[in-house]
Amino acid sequence: MSKILRSVFFFSLCLYLLACEGGPDLLTSKRPEVLSYPEGQRLLLKEVTKLYEWNLRQQKKEDSTDSYVFKHPFVKDIYQNPYKYFENTKYLLKDNTVDIALKIQLVVISQCLTLNDYLTLGSIVIDAGSIELMTAYISPGPEYGTILDDNYLNPRVIELLSVVISRYPLLKETVDLTKSGTNSNRINEYRKSGEQYPVLSCLKKY
């Protein structure tokens, strides 16, 4: 994952933890995932927007690492229970008025979906027309998720990646790292050496 995308994702995620600058214990927001249209989408958008706004304020002050994000109970919840948010996430990804930086956040925390549902998300991302968002979907970073790399031989994954190359030819090199199994082999080597990728485990195999 590029340094820019990692920065956008990490700092923007931390906004939810610090909706005001007092710290993560002050979080009192409603859970957007339990609400249906249109309230669910509105509240989810509100929360990810606050994440991004905090990012802009904190970038010059914070010297945190990704591990800080993964330890927070709310981040664990949205990562490990993606189906609380799935329908609202799809809605926001299709909404052309939602900023790409916010959509990137939604994609990289959706790594515990089933493969079929993650591919469904991919079809939406393809149609969004953003190379930044497409990059985040394909390569969120192994600390966040490895679903495409772990399933690179799956015919549906191969088909989707071929579509990505045709629609986003500038991403061919990035896609080929997944399509060829290069990323998968590299990730497995990291795991053998003791690295935990992804950092969080999915709670349930759907």
Protein backbone atom coordinates (compact mmCIF):
# COMPACT_ATOMS: atom_id res chain seq x y z
CA MET A 1 0.00 0.00 0.00
CA SER A 2 1.41 3.39 -0.94
CA LYS A 3 2.58 5.77 1.77
CA ILE A 4 -0.15 8.27 0.82
CA LEU A 5 -2.95 5.70 1.00
CA ARG A 6 -1.63 4.28 4.28
CA SER A 7 -1.53 7.79 5.73
CA VAL A 8 -5.07 8.57 4.57
CA PHE A 9 -6.39 5.35 6.00
CA PHE A 10 -4.58 5.39 9.34
CA PHE A 11 -5.13 8.97 10.32
CA SER A 12 -8.70 9.02 9.05
CA LEU A 13 -9.52 5.88 11.02
CA CYS A 14 -8.17 7.52 14.14
CA LEU A 15 -10.69 10.34 13.80
CA TYR A 16 -13.40 7.99 14.90
CA LEU A 17 -11.36 7.23 17.99
CA LEU A 18 -10.96 10.91 18.77
CA ALA A 19 -14.17 12.56 17.67
CA CYS A 20 -12.98 15.39 19.86
CA GLU A 21 -9.35 15.81 20.79
CA GLY A 22 -9.80 14.50 24.31
CA GLY A 23 -9.17 10.88 23.40
CA PRO A 24 -10.87 7.62 22.39
CA ASP A 25 -12.73 7.21 25.70
CA LEU A 26 -14.93 10.17 24.81
CA LEU A 27 -16.56 8.36 21.90
CA THR A 28 -20.35 8.58 22.29
CA SER A 29 -21.63 8.41 18.71
CA LYS A 30 -24.57 6.26 17.66
CA ARG A 31 -23.72 3.01 15.95
CA PRO A 32 -24.49 3.69 12.26
CA GLU A 33 -24.50 0.00 11.35
CA VAL A 34 -27.75 -0.77 13.18
CA LEU A 35 -29.76 1.82 11.26
CA SER A 36 -31.39 1.41 7.87
CA TYR A 37 -31.77 3.78 4.93
CA PRO A 38 -31.50 6.74 4.99
CA GLU A 39 -30.41 7.23 8.59
CA GLY A 40 -27.76 4.52 8.48
CA GLN A 41 -26.01 6.00 5.47
CA ARG A 42 -26.20 9.50 6.91
CA LEU A 43 -24.64 8.52 10.22
CA LEU A 44 -21.96 6.32 8.65
CA LEU A 45 -21.01 9.16 6.33
CA LYS A 46 -20.94 11.54 9.29
CA GLU A 47 -18.54 9.29 11.19
CA VAL A 48 -16.10 8.71 8.32
CA THR A 49 -16.18 12.44 7.57
CA LYS A 50 -15.20 13.17 11.17
CA LEU A 51 -12.38 10.66 10.75
CA TYR A 52 -11.04 12.55 7.77
CA GLU A 53 -11.39 15.95 9.42
CA TRP A 54 -9.48 14.73 12.47
CA ASN A 55 -6.80 13.44 10.13
CA LEU A 56 -6.27 16.92 8.71
CA ARG A 57 -5.89 18.38 12.20
CA GLN A 58 -3.71 15.62 13.63
CA GLN A 59 -1.26 14.86 10.83
CA LYS A 60 1.23 17.44 12.08
CA LYS A 61 0.85 16.44 15.73
CA GLU A 62 0.51 12.66 15.84
CA ASP A 63 3.32 10.14 15.64
CA SER A 64 1.27 6.96 15.96
CA THR A 65 1.47 3.61 14.23
CA ASP A 66 -1.11 1.39 12.61
CA SER A 67 -1.06 -0.89 15.65
CA TYR A 68 -2.78 1.85 17.63
CA VAL A 69 -5.72 1.68 15.28
CA PHE A 70 -6.12 -2.07 15.48
CA LYS A 71 -6.20 -2.07 19.30
CA HIS A 72 -9.26 0.15 19.58
CA PRO A 73 -12.51 -1.75 20.35
CA PHE A 74 -14.62 0.13 17.80
CA VAL A 75 -12.13 -0.45 15.01
CA LYS A 76 -12.12 -4.13 15.92
CA ASP A 77 -15.90 -4.12 15.75
CA ILE A 78 -16.23 -2.59 12.31
CA TYR A 79 -13.37 -4.73 10.98
CA GLN A 80 -14.47 -8.02 12.47
CA ASN A 81 -18.22 -7.53 11.98
CA PRO A 82 -18.42 -6.07 8.46
CA TYR A 83 -21.98 -7.17 7.83
CA LYS A 84 -23.23 -4.61 10.32
CA TYR A 85 -22.05 -2.02 7.80
CA PHE A 86 -22.13 -3.82 4.47
CA GLU A 87 -25.31 -2.39 2.96
CA ASN A 88 -24.52 1.15 4.08
CA THR A 89 -20.96 0.79 2.80
CA LYS A 90 -22.19 -0.27 -0.65
CA TYR A 91 -24.56 2.68 -0.74
CA LEU A 92 -21.82 5.20 0.11
CA LEU A 93 -19.38 3.68 -2.38
CA LYS A 94 -21.96 4.21 -5.13
CA ASP A 95 -22.65 7.79 -4.08
CA ASN A 96 -20.74 10.15 -6.38
CA THR A 97 -20.97 12.95 -3.81
CA VAL A 98 -18.90 11.03 -1.23
CA ASP A 99 -15.21 11.93 -1.19
CA ILE A 100 -12.78 9.27 -2.45
CA ALA A 101 -10.71 9.47 0.75
CA LEU A 102 -13.79 8.43 2.73
CA LYS A 103 -14.50 5.58 0.32
CA ILE A 104 -10.94 4.33 0.75
CA GLN A 105 -11.53 4.06 4.48
CA LEU A 106 -14.68 2.01 3.93
CA VAL A 107 -12.93 -0.39 1.55
CA VAL A 108 -9.85 -1.12 3.64
CA ILE A 109 -11.87 -1.98 6.73
CA SER A 110 -14.10 -4.41 4.80
CA GLN A 111 -11.54 -7.21 4.69
CA CYS A 112 -13.60 -9.75 6.66
CA LEU A 113 -16.34 -10.04 4.06
CA THR A 114 -16.72 -13.35 2.27
CA LEU A 115 -14.80 -13.56 -0.97
CA ASN A 116 -18.00 -13.29 -3.00
CA ASP A 117 -19.11 -10.17 -1.15
CA TYR A 118 -15.66 -8.60 -1.41
CA LEU A 119 -15.79 -9.19 -5.15
CA THR A 120 -19.22 -7.54 -5.19
CA LEU A 121 -17.59 -4.57 -3.49
CA GLY A 122 -14.92 -4.70 -6.17
CA SER A 123 -17.46 -4.34 -8.95
CA ILE A 124 -18.75 -1.19 -7.27
CA VAL A 125 -15.21 0.15 -6.88
CA ILE A 126 -14.44 -0.51 -10.54
CA ASP A 127 -17.42 1.59 -11.57
CA ALA A 128 -16.41 4.41 -9.21
CA GLY A 129 -13.71 5.47 -11.66
CA SER A 130 -10.99 6.29 -9.10
CA ILE A 131 -7.52 4.82 -9.49
CA GLU A 132 -6.77 5.64 -5.83
CA LEU A 133 -9.82 3.75 -4.61
CA MET A 134 -9.12 0.87 -6.97
CA THR A 135 -5.56 0.64 -5.65
CA ALA A 136 -6.78 0.53 -2.05
CA TYR A 137 -9.22 -2.25 -2.95
CA ILE A 138 -6.58 -4.41 -4.65
CA SER A 139 -3.74 -3.65 -2.22
CA PRO A 140 -5.03 -2.45 1.15
CA GLY A 141 -1.75 -3.59 2.70
CA PRO A 142 -1.22 -7.05 4.23
CA GLU A 143 -1.70 -5.66 7.75
CA TYR A 144 -5.30 -4.83 6.77
CA GLY A 145 -6.23 -7.73 4.54
CA THR A 146 -4.99 -10.35 2.09
CA ILE A 147 -8.26 -11.69 0.70
CA LEU A 148 -7.42 -11.26 -2.98
CA ASP A 149 -3.84 -12.44 -2.56
CA ASP A 150 -4.96 -15.51 -0.61
CA ASN A 151 -7.43 -16.37 -3.38
CA TYR A 152 -5.46 -15.34 -6.45
CA LEU A 153 -6.15 -18.68 -8.19
CA ASN A 154 -9.92 -18.36 -7.79
CA PRO A 155 -11.53 -17.94 -11.24
CA ARG A 156 -13.73 -15.07 -10.04
CA VAL A 157 -10.72 -13.24 -8.64
CA ILE A 158 -8.85 -13.74 -11.91
CA GLU A 159 -11.85 -12.45 -13.84
CA LEU A 160 -12.22 -9.35 -11.67
CA LEU A 161 -8.51 -8.53 -11.86
CA SER A 162 -8.66 -8.82 -15.65
CA VAL A 163 -11.50 -6.30 -15.69
CA VAL A 164 -9.47 -3.98 -13.46
CA ILE A 165 -6.56 -4.05 -15.91
CA SER A 166 -8.85 -3.27 -18.82
CA ARG A 167 -10.48 -0.35 -16.99
CA TYR A 168 -7.36 0.88 -15.17
CA PRO A 169 -4.35 0.03 -17.37
CA LEU A 170 -2.05 2.10 -15.16
CA LEU A 171 -2.63 -0.46 -12.40
CA LYS A 172 -1.42 -3.42 -14.45
CA GLU A 173 1.83 -3.71 -12.51
CA THR A 174 -0.01 -3.60 -9.17
CA VAL A 175 -2.60 -6.12 -10.34
CA ASP A 176 0.04 -8.47 -11.74
CA LEU A 177 1.64 -8.75 -8.28
CA THR A 178 -1.61 -10.29 -7.07
CA LYS A 179 -2.53 -12.15 -10.25
CA SER A 180 0.87 -13.87 -10.51
CA GLY A 181 0.89 -14.98 -6.87
CA THR A 182 3.92 -12.80 -6.10
CA ASN A 183 2.14 -11.02 -3.28
CA SER A 184 0.79 -14.30 -1.90
CA ASN A 185 4.25 -15.85 -1.79
CA ARG A 186 5.72 -12.77 -0.15
CA ILE A 187 2.96 -12.63 2.48
CA ASN A 188 3.42 -16.32 3.28
CA GLU A 189 7.13 -15.74 3.78
CA TYR A 190 6.37 -12.90 6.18
CA ARG A 191 3.95 -15.14 8.07
CA LYS A 192 6.56 -17.89 8.34
CA SER A 193 8.95 -15.36 9.86
CA GLY A 194 6.41 -14.50 12.55
CA GLU A 195 4.54 -11.55 11.08
CA GLN A 196 0.78 -11.55 11.67
CA TYR A 197 -0.98 -10.62 8.45
CA PRO A 198 -3.61 -9.35 8.66
CA VAL A 199 -3.15 -7.84 12.14
CA LEU A 200 -6.75 -8.58 13.11
CA SER A 201 -8.41 -11.94 12.60
CA CYS A 202 -11.92 -12.25 11.23
CA LEU A 203 -14.26 -13.50 13.93
CA LYS A 204 -16.48 -15.54 11.69
CA LYS A 205 -16.08 -17.37 8.41
CA TYR A 206 -19.39 -16.71 6.65
